[in-house]
Amino acid sequence: MLSIEHLYFSYQGQPPYVLNDLNLHIHSGDYISIVGDNGCGKSTLLRLILGFLTPVKGSIKRDTNNIRYVSQKNDFSHAGFPITVKEILDSYRKLLKIKDKQEVNRVLELTHMTEFKDRLISKLSGGQAQRVSIARAIAKKPKLLLCDEPTGALDYETGKEVLQLLQDICQTQGMTVMIITHNSALAPMAHKVIRFRSGKVASEEINATPQPIADIEW
């Protein structure tokens, strides 16, 4: 599904490289944890996959097609406006030109946000706001869902709820989910654990029996 070969990247366009001869292959339907210390290149890789950055050299292909560079911008902002969860998702639906109005109800149900649909965005908890972000992402019905430190600003219990949601989406919707984290304790929940060090893949581990989120402690 996603093939990365001999990828080099530097914000200056020359050595030293943030990513240095990186090779990675992701298969459809995988739940992947990319683990590594802060500054090792994990988030840079995500931005390259999204097309927000352009490699110095090497290739990123999705289903044999090269990733295209796109300008980074906020496609919808609710800052300063009294808008509800359902209203922001419906606005996003229109922005994506999704004609089916039931798509909003679908993503609300998938993310367990139906009961909060009429709540103002400004009144959401951190976990609820994270769920709205996930709802926006899956409204596009993507094959690949990229999550950068999804539990970083959340308390322990809320973090586990969000991780459980991502695991459920992977299993029930057939999406490939890639989680980028510095927390190595989260690694056992994934089908594949990729460890980063100094801009390279230090190791890849296949986990035949991913651990339930409820059993993971950190």
C-alpha atoms as a PDB file:
ATOM      1  CA  MET A   1       0.000   0.000   0.000  1.00  0.00           C
ATOM      2  CA  LEU A   2       2.751   2.452   0.995  1.00  0.00           C
ATOM      3  CA  SER A   3       6.294   2.042  -0.234  1.00  0.00           C
ATOM      4  CA  ILE A   4       9.161   4.305   0.843  1.00  0.00           C
ATOM      5  CA  GLU A   5      12.533   3.729  -0.774  1.00  0.00           C
ATOM      6  CA  HIS A   6      15.911   5.385  -0.185  1.00  0.00           C
ATOM      7  CA  LEU A   7      14.262   8.490   1.248  1.00  0.00           C
ATOM      8  CA  TYR A   8      16.434  11.462   2.204  1.00  0.00           C
ATOM      9  CA  PHE A   9      15.174  14.701   3.681  1.00  0.00           C
ATOM     10  CA  SER A  10      16.751  17.832   5.118  1.00  0.00           C
ATOM     11  CA  TYR A  11      15.058  21.135   5.877  1.00  0.00           C
ATOM     12  CA  GLN A  12      18.116  22.833   4.350  1.00  0.00           C
ATOM     13  CA  GLY A  13      18.093  20.575   1.287  1.00  0.00           C
ATOM     14  CA  GLN A  14      21.561  19.237   2.049  1.00  0.00           C
ATOM     15  CA  PRO A  15      23.315  17.166   4.756  1.00  0.00           C
ATOM     16  CA  PRO A  16      22.927  16.578   7.616  1.00  0.00           C
ATOM     17  CA  TYR A  17      19.719  14.721   6.806  1.00  0.00           C
ATOM     18  CA  VAL A  18      16.728  14.398   9.130  1.00  0.00           C
ATOM     19  CA  LEU A  19      15.815  11.196   7.273  1.00  0.00           C
ATOM     20  CA  ASN A  20      18.749   9.276   5.888  1.00  0.00           C
ATOM     21  CA  ASP A  21      18.241   6.475   3.326  1.00  0.00           C
ATOM     22  CA  LEU A  22      14.906   5.477   4.871  1.00  0.00           C
ATOM     23  CA  ASN A  23      13.175   2.354   3.540  1.00  0.00           C
ATOM     24  CA  LEU A  24       9.729   1.287   4.693  1.00  0.00           C
ATOM     25  CA  HIS A  25       6.843  -0.820   3.371  1.00  0.00           C
ATOM     26  CA  ILE A  26       3.334  -0.684   4.842  1.00  0.00           C
ATOM     27  CA  HIS A  27       0.591  -3.160   3.946  1.00  0.00           C
ATOM     28  CA  SER A  28      -3.151  -2.580   3.727  1.00  0.00           C
ATOM     29  CA  GLY A  29      -5.105  -3.091   6.961  1.00  0.00           C
ATOM     30  CA  ASP A  30      -2.090  -2.900   9.280  1.00  0.00           C
ATOM     31  CA  TYR A  31      -2.118  -1.147  12.629  1.00  0.00           C
ATOM     32  CA  ILE A  32       1.393   0.282  12.873  1.00  0.00           C
ATOM     33  CA  SER A  33       3.314   1.970  15.670  1.00  0.00           C
ATOM     34  CA  ILE A  34       6.301   4.085  14.713  1.00  0.00           C
ATOM     35  CA  VAL A  35       8.266   4.555  17.922  1.00  0.00           C
ATOM     36  CA  GLY A  36      11.287   6.732  18.639  1.00  0.00           C
ATOM     37  CA  ASP A  37      12.666   9.557  20.716  1.00  0.00           C
ATOM     38  CA  ASN A  38      11.685  13.151  20.014  1.00  0.00           C
ATOM     39  CA  GLY A  39      13.663  14.572  17.103  1.00  0.00           C
ATOM     40  CA  CYS A  40      14.396  11.255  15.398  1.00  0.00           C
ATOM     41  CA  GLY A  41      12.361  12.117  12.267  1.00  0.00           C
ATOM     42  CA  LYS A  42       8.971  10.481  12.951  1.00  0.00           C
ATOM     43  CA  SER A  43       6.811  13.575  12.445  1.00  0.00           C
ATOM     44  CA  THR A  44       8.892  14.657   9.455  1.00  0.00           C
ATOM     45  CA  LEU A  45       8.092  11.312   7.838  1.00  0.00           C
ATOM     46  CA  LEU A  46       4.373  11.888   8.415  1.00  0.00           C
ATOM     47  CA  ARG A  47       4.556  15.321   6.762  1.00  0.00           C
ATOM     48  CA  LEU A  48       6.373  13.785   3.791  1.00  0.00           C
ATOM     49  CA  ILE A  49       3.722  11.073   3.418  1.00  0.00           C
ATOM     50  CA  LEU A  50       1.020  13.765   3.512  1.00  0.00           C
ATOM     51  CA  GLY A  51       2.849  15.663   0.791  1.00  0.00           C
ATOM     52  CA  PHE A  52       3.503  18.751   2.924  1.00  0.00           C
ATOM     53  CA  LEU A  53       7.255  18.324   2.422  1.00  0.00           C
ATOM     54  CA  THR A  54       9.254  17.260  -0.626  1.00  0.00           C
ATOM     55  CA  PRO A  55      12.077  14.687  -0.322  1.00  0.00           C
ATOM     56  CA  VAL A  56      15.621  15.646  -1.251  1.00  0.00           C
ATOM     57  CA  LYS A  57      15.770  12.286  -2.986  1.00  0.00           C
ATOM     58  CA  GLY A  58      14.095   8.898  -2.879  1.00  0.00           C
ATOM     59  CA  SER A  59      10.442   7.993  -3.386  1.00  0.00           C
ATOM     60  CA  ILE A  60       7.171   7.661  -1.495  1.00  0.00           C
ATOM     61  CA  LYS A  61       4.547   5.671  -3.367  1.00  0.00           C
ATOM     62  CA  ARG A  62       0.992   4.851  -2.455  1.00  0.00           C
ATOM     63  CA  ASP A  63      -0.468   2.004  -4.487  1.00  0.00           C
ATOM     64  CA  THR A  64       2.425   2.449  -6.998  1.00  0.00           C
ATOM     65  CA  ASN A  65       1.651   6.188  -7.442  1.00  0.00           C
ATOM     66  CA  ASN A  66       4.102   8.835  -6.286  1.00  0.00           C
ATOM     67  CA  ILE A  67       2.907  11.088  -3.470  1.00  0.00           C
ATOM     68  CA  ARG A  68       2.245  14.604  -4.741  1.00  0.00           C
ATOM     69  CA  TYR A  69       3.342  17.721  -2.917  1.00  0.00           C
ATOM     70  CA  VAL A  70       0.471  19.888  -1.681  1.00  0.00           C
ATOM     71  CA  SER A  71       0.572  23.222   0.059  1.00  0.00           C
ATOM     72  CA  GLN A  72      -0.195  22.953   3.748  1.00  0.00           C
ATOM     73  CA  LYS A  73      -3.223  24.885   4.839  1.00  0.00           C
ATOM     74  CA  ASN A  74      -6.137  24.708   7.235  1.00  0.00           C
ATOM     75  CA  ASP A  75      -9.074  23.568   5.132  1.00  0.00           C
ATOM     76  CA  PHE A  76     -11.561  24.525   7.820  1.00  0.00           C
ATOM     77  CA  SER A  77     -11.251  26.630  10.922  1.00  0.00           C
ATOM     78  CA  HIS A  78     -13.756  27.091  13.727  1.00  0.00           C
ATOM     79  CA  ALA A  79     -11.628  29.491  15.762  1.00  0.00           C
ATOM     80  CA  GLY A  80     -13.727  32.229  17.316  1.00  0.00           C
ATOM     81  CA  PHE A  81     -17.063  30.871  16.087  1.00  0.00           C
ATOM     82  CA  PRO A  82     -19.773  29.274  18.287  1.00  0.00           C
ATOM     83  CA  ILE A  83     -20.127  26.064  16.290  1.00  0.00           C
ATOM     84  CA  THR A  84     -21.317  22.612  17.340  1.00  0.00           C
ATOM     85  CA  VAL A  85     -19.745  19.229  16.649  1.00  0.00           C
ATOM     86  CA  LYS A  86     -22.376  18.360  14.041  1.00  0.00           C
ATOM     87  CA  GLU A  87     -22.093  21.776  12.373  1.00  0.00           C
ATOM     88  CA  ILE A  88     -18.334  21.560  11.980  1.00  0.00           C
ATOM     89  CA  LEU A  89     -18.548  18.039  10.578  1.00  0.00           C
ATOM     90  CA  ASP A  90     -21.289  19.083   8.171  1.00  0.00           C
ATOM     91  CA  SER A  91     -19.200  22.048   7.027  1.00  0.00           C
ATOM     92  CA  TYR A  92     -16.294  19.684   6.474  1.00  0.00           C
ATOM     93  CA  ARG A  93     -18.570  17.332   4.521  1.00  0.00           C
ATOM     94  CA  LYS A  94     -19.502  20.205   2.193  1.00  0.00           C
ATOM     95  CA  LEU A  95     -15.860  21.210   1.871  1.00  0.00           C
ATOM     96  CA  LEU A  96     -15.039  17.667   0.751  1.00  0.00           C
ATOM     97  CA  LYS A  97     -18.043  17.759  -1.621  1.00  0.00           C
ATOM     98  CA  ILE A  98     -19.605  14.691   0.007  1.00  0.00           C
ATOM     99  CA  LYS A  99     -23.247  14.763  -1.070  1.00  0.00           C
ATOM    100  CA  ASP A 100     -24.534  12.155   1.365  1.00  0.00           C
ATOM    101  CA  LYS A 101     -25.712  14.070   4.435  1.00  0.00           C
ATOM    102  CA  GLN A 102     -25.812  10.813   6.412  1.00  0.00           C
ATOM    103  CA  GLU A 103     -22.019  10.738   6.321  1.00  0.00           C
ATOM    104  CA  VAL A 104     -21.993  13.080   9.323  1.00  0.00           C
ATOM    105  CA  ASN A 105     -24.126  10.655  11.335  1.00  0.00           C
ATOM    106  CA  ARG A 106     -21.886   7.774  10.244  1.00  0.00           C
ATOM    107  CA  VAL A 107     -18.688   9.359  11.534  1.00  0.00           C
ATOM    108  CA  LEU A 108     -20.410  10.565  14.704  1.00  0.00           C
ATOM    109  CA  GLU A 109     -21.450   6.987  15.419  1.00  0.00           C
ATOM    110  CA  LEU A 110     -18.047   5.518  14.555  1.00  0.00           C
ATOM    111  CA  THR A 111     -16.284   7.914  16.912  1.00  0.00           C
ATOM    112  CA  HIS A 112     -18.922   7.598  19.676  1.00  0.00           C
ATOM    113  CA  MET A 113     -19.739  11.305  19.465  1.00  0.00           C
ATOM    114  CA  THR A 114     -23.453  11.115  18.601  1.00  0.00           C
ATOM    115  CA  GLU A 115     -24.552  12.181  22.092  1.00  0.00           C
ATOM    116  CA  PHE A 116     -22.277  15.237  21.846  1.00  0.00           C
ATOM    117  CA  LYS A 117     -23.329  16.322  18.352  1.00  0.00           C
ATOM    118  CA  ASP A 118     -25.007  19.517  19.605  1.00  0.00           C
ATOM    119  CA  ARG A 119     -22.196  20.499  21.972  1.00  0.00           C
ATOM    120  CA  LEU A 120     -20.113  23.556  21.134  1.00  0.00           C
ATOM    121  CA  ILE A 121     -16.585  22.740  19.983  1.00  0.00           C
ATOM    122  CA  SER A 122     -15.251  25.152  22.597  1.00  0.00           C
ATOM    123  CA  LYS A 123     -16.923  23.088  25.339  1.00  0.00           C
ATOM    124  CA  LEU A 124     -15.387  19.723  24.412  1.00  0.00           C
ATOM    125  CA  SER A 125     -12.892  17.874  26.570  1.00  0.00           C
ATOM    126  CA  GLY A 126      -9.488  17.016  25.130  1.00  0.00           C
ATOM    127  CA  GLY A 127     -10.575  13.469  24.318  1.00  0.00           C
ATOM    128  CA  GLN A 128     -13.791  14.619  22.669  1.00  0.00           C
ATOM    129  CA  ALA A 129     -11.895  17.152  20.553  1.00  0.00           C
ATOM    130  CA  GLN A 130      -9.526  14.383  19.495  1.00  0.00           C
ATOM    131  CA  ARG A 131     -12.510  12.268  18.460  1.00  0.00           C
ATOM    132  CA  VAL A 132     -13.829  15.127  16.313  1.00  0.00           C
ATOM    133  CA  SER A 133     -10.427  15.313  14.603  1.00  0.00           C
ATOM    134  CA  ILE A 134     -10.618  11.577  13.913  1.00  0.00           C
ATOM    135  CA  ALA A 135     -14.192  11.954  12.643  1.00  0.00           C
ATOM    136  CA  ARG A 136     -13.042  14.616  10.188  1.00  0.00           C
ATOM    137  CA  ALA A 137     -10.228  12.361   9.001  1.00  0.00           C
ATOM    138  CA  ILE A 138     -12.376   9.276   8.410  1.00  0.00           C
ATOM    139  CA  ALA A 139     -15.102  11.286   6.636  1.00  0.00           C
ATOM    140  CA  LYS A 140     -12.773  11.147   3.626  1.00  0.00           C
ATOM    141  CA  LYS A 141     -12.903   7.327   3.868  1.00  0.00           C
ATOM    142  CA  PRO A 142      -9.117   7.149   3.607  1.00  0.00           C
ATOM    143  CA  LYS A 143      -7.190   3.940   3.148  1.00  0.00           C
ATOM    144  CA  LEU A 144      -4.472   5.283   5.434  1.00  0.00           C
ATOM    145  CA  LEU A 145      -5.026   7.125   8.718  1.00  0.00           C
ATOM    146  CA  LEU A 146      -1.951   8.924  10.105  1.00  0.00           C
ATOM    147  CA  CYS A 147      -1.892   9.904  13.782  1.00  0.00           C
ATOM    148  CA  ASP A 148       0.935  11.951  15.278  1.00  0.00           C
ATOM    149  CA  GLU A 149       1.141  11.524  19.074  1.00  0.00           C
ATOM    150  CA  PRO A 150      -2.642  10.957  19.413  1.00  0.00           C
ATOM    151  CA  THR A 151      -2.426  10.657  23.213  1.00  0.00           C
ATOM    152  CA  GLY A 152       0.180  13.385  23.763  1.00  0.00           C
ATOM    153  CA  ALA A 153      -2.105  16.004  25.356  1.00  0.00           C
ATOM    154  CA  LEU A 154      -4.547  13.575  26.976  1.00  0.00           C
ATOM    155  CA  ASP A 155      -4.783  12.044  30.424  1.00  0.00           C
ATOM    156  CA  TYR A 156      -4.233   8.297  30.849  1.00  0.00           C
ATOM    157  CA  GLU A 157      -7.852   7.095  30.657  1.00  0.00           C
ATOM    158  CA  THR A 158      -8.796   9.420  27.792  1.00  0.00           C
ATOM    159  CA  GLY A 159      -5.660   8.385  25.919  1.00  0.00           C
ATOM    160  CA  LYS A 160      -6.665   4.739  26.193  1.00  0.00           C
ATOM    161  CA  GLU A 161     -10.145   5.540  24.879  1.00  0.00           C
ATOM    162  CA  VAL A 162      -8.686   7.252  21.807  1.00  0.00           C
ATOM    163  CA  LEU A 163      -6.262   4.368  21.156  1.00  0.00           C
ATOM    164  CA  GLN A 164      -9.157   1.898  21.469  1.00  0.00           C
ATOM    165  CA  LEU A 165     -11.129   3.933  18.944  1.00  0.00           C
ATOM    166  CA  LEU A 166      -8.229   3.851  16.473  1.00  0.00           C
ATOM    167  CA  GLN A 167      -7.800   0.115  16.949  1.00  0.00           C
ATOM    168  CA  ASP A 168     -11.537  -0.431  16.385  1.00  0.00           C
ATOM    169  CA  ILE A 169     -11.487   1.693  13.209  1.00  0.00           C
ATOM    170  CA  CYS A 170      -8.601  -0.366  11.852  1.00  0.00           C
ATOM    171  CA  GLN A 171     -10.416  -3.634  12.567  1.00  0.00           C
ATOM    172  CA  THR A 172     -13.938  -2.681  11.488  1.00  0.00           C
ATOM    173  CA  GLN A 173     -13.291  -0.254   8.618  1.00  0.00           C
ATOM    174  CA  GLY A 174     -10.267  -1.959   7.089  1.00  0.00           C
ATOM    175  CA  MET A 175      -8.167   1.216   7.298  1.00  0.00           C
ATOM    176  CA  THR A 176      -4.434   1.136   7.670  1.00  0.00           C
ATOM    177  CA  VAL A 177      -3.643   3.073  10.840  1.00  0.00           C
ATOM    178  CA  MET A 178      -0.182   4.476  11.528  1.00  0.00           C
ATOM    179  CA  ILE A 179       0.501   5.903  14.978  1.00  0.00           C
ATOM    180  CA  ILE A 180       3.619   7.956  15.600  1.00  0.00           C
ATOM    181  CA  THR A 181       4.665   8.079  19.255  1.00  0.00           C
ATOM    182  CA  HIS A 182       7.662   8.482  21.550  1.00  0.00           C
ATOM    183  CA  ASN A 183       5.939   6.192  24.090  1.00  0.00           C
ATOM    184  CA  SER A 184       7.365   2.708  23.546  1.00  0.00           C
ATOM    185  CA  ALA A 185       4.786   1.253  25.968  1.00  0.00           C
ATOM    186  CA  LEU A 186       2.179   1.642  23.195  1.00  0.00           C
ATOM    187  CA  ALA A 187       4.094  -0.631  20.803  1.00  0.00           C
ATOM    188  CA  PRO A 188       2.420  -3.957  21.777  1.00  0.00           C
ATOM    189  CA  MET A 189      -0.998  -2.808  20.498  1.00  0.00           C
ATOM    190  CA  ALA A 190       0.193  -2.775  16.858  1.00  0.00           C
ATOM    191  CA  HIS A 191       0.511  -5.422  14.149  1.00  0.00           C
ATOM    192  CA  LYS A 192       3.877  -3.954  13.240  1.00  0.00           C
ATOM    193  CA  VAL A 193       6.281  -1.964  15.412  1.00  0.00           C
ATOM    194  CA  ILE A 194       8.808   0.219  13.605  1.00  0.00           C
ATOM    195  CA  ARG A 195      11.532   1.769  15.743  1.00  0.00           C
ATOM    196  CA  PHE A 196      13.236   4.938  14.531  1.00  0.00           C
ATOM    197  CA  ARG A 197      16.702   6.120  15.452  1.00  0.00           C
ATOM    198  CA  SER A 198      18.576   9.065  13.919  1.00  0.00           C
ATOM    199  CA  GLY A 199      16.405   9.267  10.812  1.00  0.00           C
ATOM    200  CA  LYS A 200      16.517   5.575   9.999  1.00  0.00           C
ATOM    201  CA  VAL A 201      14.518   2.440  10.716  1.00  0.00           C
ATOM    202  CA  ALA A 202      16.434   0.775  13.542  1.00  0.00           C
ATOM    203  CA  SER A 203      14.162  -2.286  13.666  1.00  0.00           C
ATOM    204  CA  GLU A 204      10.844  -3.725  12.502  1.00  0.00           C
ATOM    205  CA  GLU A 205       8.888  -6.229  14.554  1.00  0.00           C
ATOM    206  CA  ILE A 206       5.814  -8.184  13.485  1.00  0.00           C
ATOM    207  CA  ASN A 207       3.352  -8.735  16.302  1.00  0.00           C
ATOM    208  CA  ALA A 208       1.161 -11.756  15.539  1.00  0.00           C
ATOM    209  CA  THR A 209      -1.075 -11.105  18.555  1.00  0.00           C
ATOM    210  CA  PRO A 210      -1.510  -7.376  19.224  1.00  0.00           C
ATOM    211  CA  GLN A 211      -2.212  -6.630  22.874  1.00  0.00           C
ATOM    212  CA  PRO A 212      -5.653  -5.248  23.784  1.00  0.00           C
ATOM    213  CA  ILE A 213      -5.560  -1.559  24.649  1.00  0.00           C
ATOM    214  CA  ALA A 214      -7.113  -2.289  28.057  1.00  0.00           C
ATOM    215  CA  ASP A 215      -4.036  -4.359  29.008  1.00  0.00           C
ATOM    216  CA  ILE A 216      -1.470  -1.701  28.060  1.00  0.00           C
ATOM    217  CA  GLU A 217      -0.011   0.396  30.873  1.00  0.00           C
ATOM    218  CA  TRP A 218       2.228   3.448  30.707  1.00  0.00           C
END
